[in-house]
Amino acid sequence: MKKTVVASIIGGAMLLSVSAGAYAGANLQEIKAYLNNDIKVKVHGKQVQLLDVNGNVVTPITFKGTTYLPARAIANSLNVAVDYEAATSTVLFGEKVDGTPINANQVFYRSTKDPNMTQYKNKDYIEVLKEMGGSGSNFTLEPEKKFQTLYLQVAAIGADVKIRIKDGNSRLLKEETVTIDDGLKTIEANIAGLNEVTVFYSIDNYNDDTGIFVPLTTSYYK
């Protein structure tokens, strides 16, 4: 499901802090502006502290009567993913147009590329997490605060599988049961502002022929 995020800042704009290297050859114009420590920001009626990616306090800027707010801090306060595409000098809010396979964003040391293990219903998924015979376990995903939504594909083998997705503070983001009849089921979870999430799975009626199949090439972030 595609989501659209519209950010509206009254009387101002938003700034995204990026590394100095990103500005090499950029079309920049020097200005004289002022750090405005009087500006306060509230989200849903509650005052928030504006922080950069490293957790440092950032201050709004006033230039020619217009107030500019830091994009990353505002996005994090609104629970909206924010990223910077250096190749096109583009700030990205919310879901991206194209999905990023989860195995393109991190290395999975428990995955397999063995063709005897990576096939499900006559389709080869190239790289998968496939675990058989146990009552359950977990694995960690690392979206690194770049994405809005996780689309995790899961298939139950031999018995129904209960899936719980939690953030680093053990807050439940999504809980679903994947049945054998579901085939390859896609589970969506909002992961905006999260460095990592953990996927827990459990099988009640387990034996050597039951397990879980998670394709890493078709599970993706947006």
N, C-alpha and C. Protein backbone atom coordinates (compact mmCIF):
# COMPACT_ATOMS: atom_id res chain seq x y z
N MET A 1 0.86 -1.19 0.00
CA MET A 1 0.00 0.00 0.00
C MET A 1 0.89 1.23 0.00
N LYS A 2 0.69 2.11 -0.96
CA LYS A 2 1.51 3.30 -1.10
C LYS A 2 0.97 4.39 -0.20
N LYS A 3 1.85 5.04 0.54
CA LYS A 3 1.47 6.10 1.44
C LYS A 3 2.10 7.40 0.96
N THR A 4 1.38 8.50 1.09
CA THR A 4 1.89 9.80 0.72
C THR A 4 1.97 10.67 1.95
N VAL A 5 3.10 11.32 2.16
CA VAL A 5 3.30 12.18 3.31
C VAL A 5 3.43 13.61 2.82
N VAL A 6 2.60 14.50 3.35
CA VAL A 6 2.66 15.91 3.00
C VAL A 6 3.07 16.68 4.24
N ALA A 7 4.16 17.43 4.18
CA ALA A 7 4.63 18.22 5.31
C ALA A 7 4.32 19.68 5.05
N SER A 8 3.69 20.33 6.00
CA SER A 8 3.35 21.74 5.84
C SER A 8 3.91 22.53 7.01
N ILE A 9 4.74 23.51 6.72
CA ILE A 9 5.31 24.37 7.74
C ILE A 9 4.82 25.79 7.48
N ILE A 10 4.06 26.33 8.40
CA ILE A 10 3.49 27.66 8.22
C ILE A 10 4.58 28.71 8.34
N GLY A 11 4.67 29.55 7.30
CA GLY A 11 5.61 30.66 7.33
C GLY A 11 7.06 30.24 7.30
N GLY A 12 7.37 29.03 6.83
CA GLY A 12 8.76 28.62 6.84
C GLY A 12 9.04 27.48 5.89
N ALA A 13 10.26 26.97 5.97
CA ALA A 13 10.67 25.83 5.16
C ALA A 13 11.43 24.89 6.06
N MET A 14 11.99 23.81 5.49
CA MET A 14 12.71 22.85 6.30
C MET A 14 14.09 22.61 5.73
N LEU A 15 15.04 22.39 6.63
CA LEU A 15 16.42 22.14 6.24
C LEU A 15 16.83 20.75 6.70
N LEU A 16 17.61 20.07 5.85
CA LEU A 16 18.13 18.75 6.20
C LEU A 16 19.62 18.85 6.35
N SER A 17 20.15 18.40 7.50
CA SER A 17 21.59 18.42 7.70
C SER A 17 22.21 17.20 7.02
N VAL A 18 23.18 17.44 6.16
CA VAL A 18 23.89 16.34 5.49
C VAL A 18 25.38 16.59 5.63
N SER A 19 26.18 15.61 5.25
CA SER A 19 27.62 15.74 5.41
C SER A 19 28.17 16.81 4.48
N ALA A 20 29.31 17.38 4.87
CA ALA A 20 29.91 18.45 4.08
C ALA A 20 30.26 17.97 2.67
N GLY A 21 30.62 16.69 2.55
CA GLY A 21 30.98 16.15 1.24
C GLY A 21 29.84 16.18 0.25
N ALA A 22 28.62 16.19 0.76
CA ALA A 22 27.46 16.19 -0.13
C ALA A 22 27.31 17.51 -0.86
N TYR A 23 27.98 18.54 -0.38
CA TYR A 23 27.84 19.87 -0.98
C TYR A 23 28.89 20.16 -2.05
N ALA A 24 29.80 19.22 -2.27
CA ALA A 24 30.85 19.46 -3.25
C ALA A 24 30.24 19.73 -4.62
N GLY A 25 30.55 20.89 -5.18
CA GLY A 25 30.04 21.24 -6.49
C GLY A 25 28.58 21.65 -6.49
N ALA A 26 27.97 21.78 -5.30
CA ALA A 26 26.55 22.13 -5.24
C ALA A 26 26.34 23.60 -5.59
N ASN A 27 25.12 23.92 -6.00
CA ASN A 27 24.76 25.29 -6.35
C ASN A 27 24.35 26.03 -5.09
N LEU A 28 25.35 26.57 -4.38
CA LEU A 28 25.12 27.21 -3.09
C LEU A 28 25.20 28.72 -3.21
N GLN A 29 24.42 29.40 -2.37
CA GLN A 29 24.45 30.85 -2.30
C GLN A 29 24.60 31.26 -0.84
N GLU A 30 25.61 32.05 -0.55
CA GLU A 30 25.84 32.46 0.83
C GLU A 30 24.81 33.50 1.25
N ILE A 31 24.29 33.33 2.48
CA ILE A 31 23.31 34.27 3.02
C ILE A 31 23.70 34.63 4.45
N LYS A 32 23.06 35.66 4.98
CA LYS A 32 23.21 36.02 6.37
C LYS A 32 21.90 35.73 7.07
N ALA A 33 21.92 34.76 7.97
CA ALA A 33 20.71 34.34 8.67
C ALA A 33 20.98 34.34 10.17
N TYR A 34 19.93 34.07 10.95
CA TYR A 34 20.03 34.13 12.41
C TYR A 34 19.49 32.85 13.03
N LEU A 35 20.23 32.32 13.99
CA LEU A 35 19.70 31.23 14.81
C LEU A 35 18.64 31.82 15.72
N ASN A 36 17.43 31.24 15.67
CA ASN A 36 16.31 31.81 16.41
C ASN A 36 15.93 30.89 17.57
N ASN A 37 16.47 31.19 18.75
CA ASN A 37 16.23 30.35 19.92
C ASN A 37 14.85 30.57 20.54
N ASP A 38 14.11 31.56 20.04
CA ASP A 38 12.76 31.80 20.56
C ASP A 38 11.71 30.86 19.95
N ILE A 39 12.04 30.25 18.82
CA ILE A 39 11.08 29.38 18.14
C ILE A 39 10.93 28.06 18.90
N LYS A 40 9.69 27.72 19.19
CA LYS A 40 9.38 26.44 19.83
C LYS A 40 8.50 25.63 18.88
N VAL A 41 8.61 24.32 18.96
CA VAL A 41 7.84 23.43 18.09
C VAL A 41 7.02 22.48 18.95
N LYS A 42 5.74 22.37 18.61
CA LYS A 42 4.85 21.41 19.27
C LYS A 42 4.30 20.44 18.24
N VAL A 43 4.21 19.19 18.62
CA VAL A 43 3.62 18.15 17.79
C VAL A 43 2.45 17.55 18.54
N HIS A 44 1.26 17.65 17.97
CA HIS A 44 0.04 17.17 18.63
C HIS A 44 -0.10 17.77 20.03
N GLY A 45 0.26 19.05 20.15
CA GLY A 45 0.08 19.77 21.41
C GLY A 45 1.21 19.63 22.40
N LYS A 46 2.20 18.80 22.10
CA LYS A 46 3.31 18.60 23.03
C LYS A 46 4.60 19.19 22.46
N GLN A 47 5.31 19.96 23.28
CA GLN A 47 6.56 20.56 22.82
C GLN A 47 7.62 19.48 22.63
N VAL A 48 8.37 19.61 21.53
CA VAL A 48 9.42 18.63 21.23
C VAL A 48 10.76 19.33 21.11
N GLN A 49 11.81 18.60 21.42
CA GLN A 49 13.17 19.10 21.27
C GLN A 49 13.69 18.68 19.90
N LEU A 50 14.20 19.62 19.13
CA LEU A 50 14.71 19.33 17.79
C LEU A 50 16.14 18.82 17.89
N LEU A 51 16.37 17.62 17.38
CA LEU A 51 17.69 16.98 17.48
C LEU A 51 18.17 16.55 16.10
N ASP A 52 19.50 16.57 15.90
CA ASP A 52 20.05 16.08 14.64
C ASP A 52 20.25 14.57 14.72
N VAL A 53 20.85 13.99 13.69
CA VAL A 53 21.01 12.54 13.62
C VAL A 53 21.88 12.00 14.75
N ASN A 54 22.73 12.85 15.32
CA ASN A 54 23.61 12.42 16.41
C ASN A 54 23.05 12.74 17.79
N GLY A 55 21.81 13.27 17.83
CA GLY A 55 21.19 13.58 19.11
C GLY A 55 21.52 14.95 19.65
N ASN A 56 22.16 15.79 18.87
CA ASN A 56 22.49 17.15 19.30
C ASN A 56 21.33 18.10 19.02
N VAL A 57 21.15 19.07 19.89
CA VAL A 57 20.07 20.04 19.73
C VAL A 57 20.37 20.95 18.53
N VAL A 58 19.35 21.16 17.68
CA VAL A 58 19.50 22.05 16.53
C VAL A 58 18.48 23.19 16.68
N THR A 59 18.85 24.36 16.20
CA THR A 59 18.06 25.57 16.38
C THR A 59 17.46 26.04 15.06
N PRO A 60 16.20 26.44 15.04
CA PRO A 60 15.60 26.99 13.81
C PRO A 60 16.36 28.23 13.36
N ILE A 61 16.29 28.52 12.07
CA ILE A 61 16.95 29.67 11.48
C ILE A 61 15.92 30.64 10.93
N THR A 62 16.15 31.95 11.14
CA THR A 62 15.28 32.98 10.56
C THR A 62 16.06 33.75 9.50
N PHE A 63 15.46 33.85 8.32
CA PHE A 63 16.09 34.56 7.21
C PHE A 63 15.03 35.36 6.46
N LYS A 64 15.17 36.69 6.48
CA LYS A 64 14.25 37.60 5.79
C LYS A 64 12.79 37.32 6.16
N GLY A 65 12.55 37.16 7.45
CA GLY A 65 11.18 37.00 7.93
C GLY A 65 10.62 35.59 7.80
N THR A 66 11.39 34.66 7.27
CA THR A 66 10.94 33.27 7.13
C THR A 66 11.72 32.38 8.08
N THR A 67 11.00 31.48 8.75
CA THR A 67 11.65 30.56 9.69
C THR A 67 11.87 29.21 9.01
N TYR A 68 13.10 28.71 9.12
CA TYR A 68 13.48 27.43 8.52
C TYR A 68 13.73 26.42 9.64
N LEU A 69 13.04 25.30 9.54
CA LEU A 69 13.16 24.25 10.56
C LEU A 69 13.97 23.08 10.02
N PRO A 70 14.74 22.41 10.87
CA PRO A 70 15.55 21.27 10.42
C PRO A 70 14.68 20.09 10.01
N ALA A 71 14.84 19.66 8.77
CA ALA A 71 13.96 18.64 8.20
C ALA A 71 14.02 17.33 8.97
N ARG A 72 15.24 16.86 9.29
CA ARG A 72 15.35 15.56 9.95
C ARG A 72 14.69 15.58 11.33
N ALA A 73 14.89 16.67 12.06
CA ALA A 73 14.30 16.77 13.40
C ALA A 73 12.78 16.82 13.33
N ILE A 74 12.25 17.57 12.36
CA ILE A 74 10.79 17.65 12.20
C ILE A 74 10.23 16.30 11.78
N ALA A 75 10.88 15.64 10.83
CA ALA A 75 10.41 14.34 10.36
C ALA A 75 10.39 13.32 11.50
N ASN A 76 11.45 13.31 12.30
CA ASN A 76 11.50 12.37 13.43
C ASN A 76 10.40 12.67 14.44
N SER A 77 10.11 13.95 14.66
CA SER A 77 9.05 14.33 15.60
C SER A 77 7.68 13.89 15.11
N LEU A 78 7.51 13.87 13.78
CA LEU A 78 6.23 13.47 13.18
C LEU A 78 6.17 11.98 12.87
N ASN A 79 7.24 11.25 13.20
CA ASN A 79 7.35 9.81 12.92
C ASN A 79 7.25 9.55 11.43
N VAL A 80 7.98 10.36 10.67
CA VAL A 80 8.05 10.21 9.22
C VAL A 80 9.50 9.96 8.83
N ALA A 81 9.74 8.96 7.99
CA ALA A 81 11.10 8.66 7.56
C ALA A 81 11.65 9.81 6.72
N VAL A 82 12.96 10.06 6.85
CA VAL A 82 13.61 11.10 6.05
C VAL A 82 14.97 10.58 5.60
N ASP A 83 15.32 10.85 4.35
CA ASP A 83 16.60 10.42 3.82
C ASP A 83 17.06 11.46 2.80
N TYR A 84 18.33 11.40 2.45
CA TYR A 84 18.89 12.34 1.49
C TYR A 84 19.52 11.56 0.34
N GLU A 85 19.08 11.86 -0.89
CA GLU A 85 19.61 11.22 -2.08
C GLU A 85 20.65 12.13 -2.71
N ALA A 86 21.93 11.84 -2.43
CA ALA A 86 23.01 12.74 -2.84
C ALA A 86 23.10 12.88 -4.35
N ALA A 87 22.81 11.79 -5.08
CA ALA A 87 22.97 11.83 -6.54
C ALA A 87 22.07 12.87 -7.19
N THR A 88 20.90 13.11 -6.60
CA THR A 88 19.95 14.08 -7.18
C THR A 88 19.71 15.27 -6.27
N SER A 89 20.45 15.35 -5.15
CA SER A 89 20.27 16.43 -4.16
C SER A 89 18.81 16.55 -3.74
N THR A 90 18.22 15.40 -3.40
CA THR A 90 16.79 15.35 -3.09
C THR A 90 16.56 14.88 -1.66
N VAL A 91 15.73 15.60 -0.92
CA VAL A 91 15.29 15.17 0.41
C VAL A 91 14.06 14.30 0.24
N LEU A 92 14.07 13.13 0.85
CA LEU A 92 12.99 12.15 0.69
C LEU A 92 12.24 11.99 2.01
N PHE A 93 10.93 12.25 1.98
CA PHE A 93 10.08 12.06 3.15
C PHE A 93 9.14 10.89 2.92
N GLY A 94 8.90 10.11 3.99
CA GLY A 94 7.93 9.03 3.92
C GLY A 94 8.42 7.88 3.06
N GLU A 95 7.48 7.16 2.44
CA GLU A 95 7.85 6.03 1.60
C GLU A 95 8.55 6.48 0.33
N LYS A 96 9.52 5.70 -0.08
CA LYS A 96 10.19 5.94 -1.35
C LYS A 96 9.37 5.32 -2.49
N VAL A 97 9.60 5.79 -3.69
CA VAL A 97 8.88 5.26 -4.84
C VAL A 97 9.28 3.81 -5.08
N ASP A 98 10.58 3.54 -5.01
CA ASP A 98 11.08 2.19 -5.25
C ASP A 98 11.41 1.50 -3.94
N GLY A 99 11.11 0.21 -3.87
CA GLY A 99 11.43 -0.55 -2.68
C GLY A 99 12.90 -0.97 -2.67
N THR A 100 13.46 -1.13 -1.48
CA THR A 100 14.84 -1.60 -1.30
C THR A 100 14.81 -2.97 -0.63
N PRO A 101 15.26 -4.04 -1.32
CA PRO A 101 15.27 -5.37 -0.68
C PRO A 101 16.04 -5.32 0.64
N ILE A 102 15.55 -6.02 1.64
CA ILE A 102 16.18 -5.93 2.95
C ILE A 102 17.61 -6.47 2.94
N ASN A 103 17.93 -7.38 2.02
CA ASN A 103 19.30 -7.89 1.99
C ASN A 103 20.25 -6.95 1.24
N ALA A 104 19.71 -5.86 0.65
CA ALA A 104 20.57 -4.85 0.04
C ALA A 104 21.03 -3.83 1.05
N ASN A 105 20.44 -3.86 2.26
CA ASN A 105 20.74 -2.87 3.28
C ASN A 105 21.58 -3.43 4.42
N GLN A 106 21.74 -4.78 4.46
CA GLN A 106 22.54 -5.40 5.51
C GLN A 106 22.92 -6.81 5.10
N VAL A 107 23.89 -7.37 5.82
CA VAL A 107 24.31 -8.75 5.60
C VAL A 107 23.60 -9.64 6.61
N PHE A 108 23.04 -10.75 6.14
CA PHE A 108 22.36 -11.71 7.01
C PHE A 108 23.25 -12.95 7.14
N TYR A 109 23.82 -13.13 8.31
CA TYR A 109 24.76 -14.23 8.50
C TYR A 109 24.08 -15.58 8.66
N ARG A 110 22.77 -15.58 8.91
CA ARG A 110 22.05 -16.85 9.05
C ARG A 110 21.27 -17.19 7.78
N SER A 111 21.43 -16.42 6.73
CA SER A 111 20.69 -16.70 5.50
C SER A 111 21.38 -17.79 4.69
N THR A 112 20.69 -18.27 3.67
CA THR A 112 21.26 -19.28 2.78
C THR A 112 20.98 -18.91 1.33
N LYS A 113 21.93 -19.26 0.46
CA LYS A 113 21.76 -19.10 -0.98
C LYS A 113 21.79 -20.47 -1.67
N ASP A 114 21.70 -21.52 -0.87
CA ASP A 114 21.68 -22.89 -1.40
C ASP A 114 20.39 -23.09 -2.20
N PRO A 115 20.47 -23.40 -3.50
CA PRO A 115 19.26 -23.57 -4.31
C PRO A 115 18.31 -24.63 -3.78
N ASN A 116 18.81 -25.55 -3.01
CA ASN A 116 17.94 -26.57 -2.41
C ASN A 116 17.09 -26.01 -1.27
N MET A 117 17.45 -24.81 -0.79
CA MET A 117 16.76 -24.20 0.34
C MET A 117 15.99 -22.94 -0.05
N THR A 118 16.33 -22.35 -1.18
CA THR A 118 15.80 -21.03 -1.50
C THR A 118 14.53 -21.06 -2.36
N GLN A 119 14.01 -22.25 -2.65
CA GLN A 119 12.82 -22.34 -3.50
C GLN A 119 11.55 -22.51 -2.67
N TYR A 120 10.50 -21.83 -3.12
CA TYR A 120 9.18 -21.97 -2.49
C TYR A 120 8.14 -21.96 -3.61
N LYS A 121 7.36 -23.02 -3.68
CA LYS A 121 6.34 -23.19 -4.72
C LYS A 121 6.92 -22.94 -6.11
N ASN A 122 8.04 -23.61 -6.36
CA ASN A 122 8.69 -23.63 -7.67
C ASN A 122 9.30 -22.29 -8.10
N LYS A 123 9.48 -21.36 -7.16
CA LYS A 123 10.16 -20.12 -7.46
C LYS A 123 11.40 -20.01 -6.60
N ASP A 124 12.52 -19.63 -7.23
CA ASP A 124 13.78 -19.49 -6.51
C ASP A 124 13.93 -18.05 -6.05
N TYR A 125 14.07 -17.84 -4.73
CA TYR A 125 14.19 -16.50 -4.15
C TYR A 125 15.63 -16.09 -3.87
N ILE A 126 16.59 -16.85 -4.34
CA ILE A 126 18.02 -16.53 -4.36
C ILE A 126 18.67 -16.50 -2.96
N GLU A 127 18.10 -15.72 -2.04
CA GLU A 127 18.63 -15.68 -0.67
C GLU A 127 17.47 -15.63 0.30
N VAL A 128 17.49 -16.52 1.29
CA VAL A 128 16.35 -16.61 2.21
C VAL A 128 16.84 -16.90 3.63
N LEU A 129 15.97 -16.60 4.59
CA LEU A 129 16.10 -17.13 5.94
C LEU A 129 15.12 -18.30 6.03
N LYS A 130 15.65 -19.49 6.24
CA LYS A 130 14.80 -20.67 6.35
C LYS A 130 15.26 -21.47 7.54
N GLU A 131 14.37 -21.64 8.51
CA GLU A 131 14.72 -22.38 9.72
C GLU A 131 13.65 -23.42 9.98
N MET A 132 14.09 -24.63 10.25
CA MET A 132 13.18 -25.77 10.42
C MET A 132 13.39 -26.44 11.77
N GLY A 133 12.30 -27.02 12.29
CA GLY A 133 12.40 -27.92 13.43
C GLY A 133 12.29 -27.32 14.81
N GLY A 134 12.35 -25.99 14.94
CA GLY A 134 12.32 -25.39 16.27
C GLY A 134 10.97 -24.77 16.58
N SER A 135 10.81 -24.37 17.85
CA SER A 135 9.55 -23.75 18.28
C SER A 135 9.53 -22.26 17.96
N GLY A 136 10.69 -21.70 17.59
CA GLY A 136 10.72 -20.28 17.26
C GLY A 136 12.08 -19.67 17.50
N SER A 137 12.25 -18.45 17.03
CA SER A 137 13.49 -17.72 17.23
C SER A 137 13.25 -16.28 16.80
N ASN A 138 14.30 -15.56 16.43
CA ASN A 138 14.15 -14.18 15.99
C ASN A 138 15.32 -13.78 15.10
N PHE A 139 15.15 -12.69 14.37
CA PHE A 139 16.23 -12.11 13.58
C PHE A 139 16.04 -10.60 13.56
N THR A 140 17.14 -9.89 13.37
CA THR A 140 17.12 -8.43 13.44
C THR A 140 17.27 -7.82 12.05
N LEU A 141 16.49 -6.78 11.79
CA LEU A 141 16.58 -6.01 10.56
C LEU A 141 17.14 -4.63 10.89
N GLU A 142 17.87 -4.04 9.94
CA GLU A 142 18.54 -2.76 10.18
C GLU A 142 18.15 -1.72 9.12
N PRO A 143 16.97 -1.11 9.26
CA PRO A 143 16.56 -0.07 8.30
C PRO A 143 17.34 1.23 8.44
N GLU A 144 18.01 1.45 9.55
CA GLU A 144 18.89 2.60 9.78
C GLU A 144 18.18 3.95 9.60
N LYS A 145 16.92 4.02 10.00
CA LYS A 145 16.13 5.26 9.97
C LYS A 145 15.90 5.82 8.57
N LYS A 146 16.15 5.02 7.53
CA LYS A 146 16.04 5.52 6.16
C LYS A 146 14.66 5.32 5.54
N PHE A 147 13.83 4.48 6.17
CA PHE A 147 12.61 4.05 5.51
C PHE A 147 11.37 4.23 6.38
N GLN A 148 10.23 4.31 5.73
CA GLN A 148 8.95 4.50 6.41
C GLN A 148 8.28 3.16 6.76
N THR A 149 8.32 2.21 5.81
CA THR A 149 7.54 0.99 5.96
C THR A 149 8.37 -0.24 5.63
N LEU A 150 8.17 -1.30 6.42
CA LEU A 150 8.75 -2.61 6.14
C LEU A 150 7.66 -3.49 5.53
N TYR A 151 7.99 -4.14 4.42
CA TYR A 151 7.11 -5.13 3.80
C TYR A 151 7.82 -6.47 3.89
N LEU A 152 7.49 -7.24 4.91
CA LEU A 152 8.17 -8.51 5.19
C LEU A 152 7.34 -9.67 4.66
N GLN A 153 7.95 -10.49 3.81
CA GLN A 153 7.26 -11.67 3.29
C GLN A 153 7.64 -12.89 4.12
N VAL A 154 6.61 -13.66 4.50
CA VAL A 154 6.81 -14.83 5.35
C VAL A 154 5.91 -15.97 4.86
N ALA A 155 6.45 -17.17 4.82
CA ALA A 155 5.66 -18.36 4.54
C ALA A 155 5.81 -19.34 5.69
N ALA A 156 4.70 -19.97 6.08
CA ALA A 156 4.72 -20.99 7.13
C ALA A 156 4.87 -22.36 6.49
N ILE A 157 5.77 -23.16 7.02
CA ILE A 157 6.01 -24.50 6.50
C ILE A 157 5.54 -25.53 7.51
N GLY A 158 4.54 -26.30 7.16
CA GLY A 158 4.10 -27.41 7.99
C GLY A 158 3.18 -27.06 9.14
N ALA A 159 3.22 -25.81 9.61
CA ALA A 159 2.36 -25.38 10.73
C ALA A 159 2.30 -23.85 10.72
N ASP A 160 1.22 -23.32 11.31
CA ASP A 160 1.05 -21.87 11.37
C ASP A 160 2.17 -21.22 12.19
N VAL A 161 2.54 -20.00 11.79
CA VAL A 161 3.62 -19.27 12.45
C VAL A 161 3.10 -17.92 12.95
N LYS A 162 3.37 -17.61 14.20
CA LYS A 162 2.99 -16.30 14.75
C LYS A 162 4.19 -15.37 14.64
N ILE A 163 3.95 -14.18 14.07
CA ILE A 163 5.00 -13.20 13.86
C ILE A 163 4.76 -11.99 14.74
N ARG A 164 5.80 -11.54 15.44
CA ARG A 164 5.76 -10.29 16.21
C ARG A 164 6.96 -9.45 15.81
N ILE A 165 6.71 -8.21 15.43
CA ILE A 165 7.77 -7.29 15.06
C ILE A 165 7.86 -6.21 16.13
N LYS A 166 9.05 -6.03 16.72
CA LYS A 166 9.22 -5.08 17.82
C LYS A 166 10.39 -4.14 17.54
N ASP A 167 10.32 -2.95 18.14
CA ASP A 167 11.44 -2.02 18.03
C ASP A 167 12.47 -2.30 19.12
N GLY A 168 13.50 -1.46 19.20
CA GLY A 168 14.58 -1.69 20.16
C GLY A 168 14.17 -1.57 21.61
N ASN A 169 13.00 -0.97 21.87
CA ASN A 169 12.47 -0.85 23.24
C ASN A 169 11.40 -1.89 23.53
N SER A 170 11.35 -2.91 22.69
CA SER A 170 10.37 -4.01 22.82
C SER A 170 8.94 -3.55 22.61
N ARG A 171 8.75 -2.41 21.96
CA ARG A 171 7.40 -1.94 21.62
C ARG A 171 6.90 -2.73 20.42
N LEU A 172 5.71 -3.29 20.54
CA LEU A 172 5.14 -4.11 19.47
C LEU A 172 4.70 -3.23 18.31
N LEU A 173 5.26 -3.49 17.14
CA LEU A 173 4.91 -2.74 15.93
C LEU A 173 3.84 -3.46 15.11
N LYS A 174 3.91 -4.78 15.09
CA LYS A 174 2.94 -5.56 14.31
C LYS A 174 2.91 -6.99 14.83
N GLU A 175 1.73 -7.57 14.84
CA GLU A 175 1.57 -8.98 15.22
C GLU A 175 0.60 -9.63 14.26
N GLU A 176 1.01 -10.73 13.64
CA GLU A 176 0.15 -11.44 12.70
C GLU A 176 0.47 -12.92 12.75
N THR A 177 -0.52 -13.72 12.35
CA THR A 177 -0.32 -15.16 12.20
C THR A 177 -0.29 -15.50 10.72
N VAL A 178 0.72 -16.25 10.32
CA VAL A 178 0.83 -16.71 8.94
C VAL A 178 0.45 -18.18 8.91
N THR A 179 -0.60 -18.50 8.17
CA THR A 179 -1.05 -19.89 8.07
C THR A 179 -0.41 -20.56 6.86
N ILE A 180 -0.50 -21.88 6.83
CA ILE A 180 0.02 -22.63 5.69
C ILE A 180 -0.71 -22.21 4.42
N ASP A 181 -2.02 -22.01 4.53
CA ASP A 181 -2.84 -21.66 3.37
C ASP A 181 -2.57 -20.24 2.85
N ASP A 182 -1.96 -19.38 3.67
CA ASP A 182 -1.65 -18.02 3.23
C ASP A 182 -0.60 -17.99 2.12
N GLY A 183 0.19 -19.04 2.02
CA GLY A 183 1.30 -19.00 1.09
C GLY A 183 2.32 -17.98 1.56
N LEU A 184 2.88 -17.23 0.63
CA LEU A 184 3.84 -16.19 0.98
C LEU A 184 3.07 -14.92 1.32
N LYS A 185 3.01 -14.59 2.61
CA LYS A 185 2.20 -13.47 3.09
C LYS A 185 3.08 -12.25 3.34
N THR A 186 2.59 -11.07 2.94
CA THR A 186 3.32 -9.83 3.18
C THR A 186 2.78 -9.13 4.42
N ILE A 187 3.66 -8.85 5.37
CA ILE A 187 3.31 -8.17 6.61
C ILE A 187 3.90 -6.76 6.57
N GLU A 188 3.06 -5.76 6.80
CA GLU A 188 3.50 -4.37 6.76
C GLU A 188 3.67 -3.83 8.19
N ALA A 189 4.74 -3.06 8.40
CA ALA A 189 4.97 -2.44 9.70
C ALA A 189 5.60 -1.07 9.50
N ASN A 190 5.12 -0.08 10.26
CA ASN A 190 5.68 1.26 10.22
C ASN A 190 6.99 1.27 11.01
N ILE A 191 8.09 1.60 10.33
CA ILE A 191 9.41 1.55 10.97
C ILE A 191 10.10 2.92 10.93
N ALA A 192 9.34 3.98 10.72
CA ALA A 192 9.91 5.32 10.61
C ALA A 192 10.73 5.68 11.86
N GLY A 193 11.93 6.20 11.65
CA GLY A 193 12.77 6.64 12.76
C GLY A 193 13.48 5.55 13.51
N LEU A 194 13.44 4.30 13.02
CA LEU A 194 14.04 3.18 13.75
C LEU A 194 15.33 2.72 13.10
N ASN A 195 16.36 2.53 13.92
CA ASN A 195 17.62 1.99 13.44
C ASN A 195 17.52 0.50 13.17
N GLU A 196 16.80 -0.20 14.02
CA GLU A 196 16.63 -1.63 13.86
C GLU A 196 15.33 -2.11 14.45
N VAL A 197 14.85 -3.24 13.94
CA VAL A 197 13.67 -3.90 14.49
C VAL A 197 13.97 -5.39 14.56
N THR A 198 13.29 -6.07 15.46
CA THR A 198 13.49 -7.51 15.61
C THR A 198 12.21 -8.24 15.28
N VAL A 199 12.35 -9.27 14.48
CA VAL A 199 11.22 -10.11 14.08
C VAL A 199 11.27 -11.39 14.91
N PHE A 200 10.25 -11.60 15.74
CA PHE A 200 10.13 -12.82 16.55
C PHE A 200 9.10 -13.73 15.89
N TYR A 201 9.38 -15.02 15.87
CA TYR A 201 8.39 -15.96 15.34
C TYR A 201 8.31 -17.18 16.25
N SER A 202 7.11 -17.76 16.31
CA SER A 202 6.89 -18.93 17.16
C SER A 202 5.94 -19.90 16.48
N ILE A 203 6.16 -21.18 16.73
CA ILE A 203 5.34 -22.26 16.17
C ILE A 203 4.89 -23.14 17.31
N ASP A 204 3.57 -23.24 17.51
CA ASP A 204 3.05 -24.03 18.63
C ASP A 204 3.20 -25.53 18.39
N ASN A 205 2.75 -26.01 17.25
CA ASN A 205 2.77 -27.44 16.96
C ASN A 205 3.96 -27.76 16.05
N TYR A 206 5.14 -27.66 16.62
CA TYR A 206 6.33 -27.80 15.80
C TYR A 206 6.88 -29.23 15.82
N ASN A 207 7.57 -29.58 14.73
CA ASN A 207 8.30 -30.83 14.62
C ASN A 207 9.40 -30.62 13.58
N ASP A 208 10.05 -31.69 13.18
CA ASP A 208 11.17 -31.56 12.25
C ASP A 208 10.76 -31.02 10.89
N ASP A 209 9.47 -31.13 10.56
CA ASP A 209 8.99 -30.72 9.24
C ASP A 209 8.29 -29.36 9.25
N THR A 210 8.36 -28.64 10.35
CA THR A 210 7.74 -27.31 10.42
C THR A 210 8.83 -26.24 10.46
N GLY A 211 8.47 -25.06 9.97
CA GLY A 211 9.46 -23.99 9.99
C GLY A 211 8.96 -22.72 9.34
N ILE A 212 9.89 -21.83 9.01
CA ILE A 212 9.57 -20.52 8.47
C ILE A 212 10.46 -20.24 7.26
N PHE A 213 9.89 -19.55 6.27
CA PHE A 213 10.61 -19.21 5.04
C PHE A 213 10.44 -17.72 4.81
N VAL A 214 11.57 -16.98 4.80
CA VAL A 214 11.54 -15.52 4.61
C VAL A 214 12.47 -15.16 3.45
N PRO A 215 11.91 -14.80 2.28
CA PRO A 215 12.77 -14.38 1.18
C PRO A 215 13.34 -12.99 1.43
N LEU A 216 14.65 -12.84 1.29
CA LEU A 216 15.30 -11.56 1.57
C LEU A 216 15.35 -10.67 0.33
N THR A 217 15.07 -11.24 -0.83
CA THR A 217 15.11 -10.46 -2.06
C THR A 217 13.77 -9.80 -2.38
N THR A 218 12.67 -10.37 -1.88
CA THR A 218 11.35 -9.81 -2.16
C THR A 218 10.70 -9.20 -0.90
N SER A 219 11.32 -9.34 0.25
CA SER A 219 10.97 -8.54 1.42
C SER A 219 11.73 -7.23 1.27
N TYR A 220 11.07 -6.11 1.54
CA TYR A 220 11.71 -4.84 1.20
C TYR A 220 11.26 -3.70 2.10
N TYR A 221 12.02 -2.59 2.00
CA TYR A 221 11.69 -1.34 2.69
C TYR A 221 11.21 -0.31 1.66
N LYS A 222 10.36 0.62 2.12
CA LYS A 222 9.99 1.78 1.28
C LYS A 222 9.95 3.02 2.18
